[in-house]
Amino acid sequence: MTLIDICKWYASISGIVACFMVSLDLGRRITGWGFVLFVTSSIAWITGAYLSDDEPLLTQNLVLICINCFGVFRYLIRKRAPQHGG
């Protein structure tokens, strides 16, 4: 198995697990860690795409890593604003 294969298989499996974690909606912490896993998946896709000269996949995951980092920020780093009842 080549480095490209390892990157792409890790990216695929971790992306599936991350998607499942986010879709379960078990709370901010689990969702946030799902986004962390999405970030690692994007890094693996970017690496595999770069090594195999797959520009569309590289472009997609450069965008997705930004979205996933925002998810990490939103669910694990940012403090929730106080809820105001009305």
Protein backbone atom coordinates (compact mmCIF):
# COMPACT_ATOMS: atom_id res chain seq x y z
CA MET A 1 0.00 0.00 0.00
CA THR A 2 1.42 3.39 -1.00
CA LEU A 3 1.44 6.60 1.04
CA ILE A 4 -1.28 7.95 -1.26
CA ASP A 5 -3.45 4.89 -0.57
CA ILE A 6 -2.93 5.22 3.18
CA CYS A 7 -3.86 8.92 3.11
CA LYS A 8 -6.97 8.33 1.03
CA TRP A 9 -8.17 5.36 3.09
CA TYR A 10 -7.63 7.24 6.35
CA ALA A 11 -9.42 10.27 4.88
CA SER A 12 -12.36 8.17 3.77
CA ILE A 13 -12.80 6.22 7.01
CA SER A 14 -12.25 9.22 9.30
CA GLY A 15 -14.68 11.28 7.21
CA ILE A 16 -17.35 8.61 7.59
CA VAL A 17 -16.84 8.40 11.36
CA ALA A 18 -16.83 12.22 11.70
CA CYS A 19 -20.03 12.49 9.68
CA PHE A 20 -21.68 9.93 11.94
CA MET A 21 -20.51 11.78 15.09
CA VAL A 22 -21.92 15.09 13.85
CA SER A 23 -25.18 13.55 12.65
CA LEU A 24 -25.87 11.91 16.03
CA ASP A 25 -26.27 15.37 17.61
CA LEU A 26 -25.15 14.12 21.03
CA GLY A 27 -24.07 17.55 22.20
CA ARG A 28 -21.53 20.24 21.51
CA ARG A 29 -18.51 18.28 22.71
CA ILE A 30 -19.11 15.19 20.54
CA THR A 31 -20.01 17.38 17.55
CA GLY A 32 -16.84 19.43 18.12
CA TRP A 33 -14.68 16.32 18.19
CA GLY A 34 -16.42 15.19 15.01
CA PHE A 35 -15.20 18.42 13.42
CA VAL A 36 -11.68 17.75 14.72
CA LEU A 37 -11.83 14.39 12.97
CA PHE A 38 -13.13 16.14 9.84
CA VAL A 39 -10.04 18.40 9.98
CA THR A 40 -7.72 15.38 10.06
CA SER A 41 -9.71 13.84 7.21
CA SER A 42 -9.29 17.02 5.17
CA ILE A 43 -5.55 17.05 5.85
CA ALA A 44 -5.30 13.47 4.65
CA TRP A 45 -7.38 14.25 1.52
CA ILE A 46 -5.23 17.31 0.81
CA THR A 47 -2.07 15.21 1.15
CA GLY A 48 -3.39 12.40 -1.02
CA ALA A 49 -4.75 14.81 -3.63
CA TYR A 50 -1.49 16.75 -3.76
CA LEU A 51 0.61 13.58 -4.12
CA SER A 52 -1.66 12.22 -6.86
CA ASP A 53 -2.05 15.58 -8.64
CA ASP A 54 -5.84 15.59 -8.17
CA GLU A 55 -6.60 19.32 -8.30
CA PRO A 56 -10.41 19.13 -7.89
CA LEU A 57 -10.10 17.00 -4.73
CA LEU A 58 -7.34 19.27 -3.43
CA THR A 59 -9.46 22.39 -4.04
CA GLN A 60 -12.52 20.87 -2.39
CA ASN A 61 -10.63 19.94 0.74
CA LEU A 62 -8.83 23.26 1.03
CA VAL A 63 -12.30 24.79 1.32
CA LEU A 64 -13.61 22.02 3.60
CA ILE A 65 -10.70 22.35 6.03
CA CYS A 66 -11.68 26.00 6.55
CA ILE A 67 -15.30 25.03 7.18
CA ASN A 68 -14.23 22.22 9.52
CA CYS A 69 -11.90 24.53 11.47
CA PHE A 70 -14.86 26.89 11.91
CA GLY A 71 -16.83 23.91 13.27
CA VAL A 72 -14.03 23.18 15.77
CA PHE A 73 -14.04 26.83 16.83
CA ARG A 74 -17.82 26.97 17.08
CA TYR A 75 -18.28 23.76 19.07
CA LEU A 76 -15.08 23.43 21.14
CA ILE A 77 -13.45 26.85 21.51
CA ARG A 78 -16.10 29.57 21.43
CA LYS A 79 -18.08 30.10 24.58
CA ARG A 80 -21.81 29.94 23.99
CA ALA A 81 -23.61 33.22 24.24
CA PRO A 82 -26.06 33.39 27.15
CA GLN A 83 -29.59 32.44 26.14
CA HIS A 84 -32.09 35.21 26.67
CA GLY A 85 -35.69 34.14 27.18
CA GLY A 86 -38.33 36.33 25.73
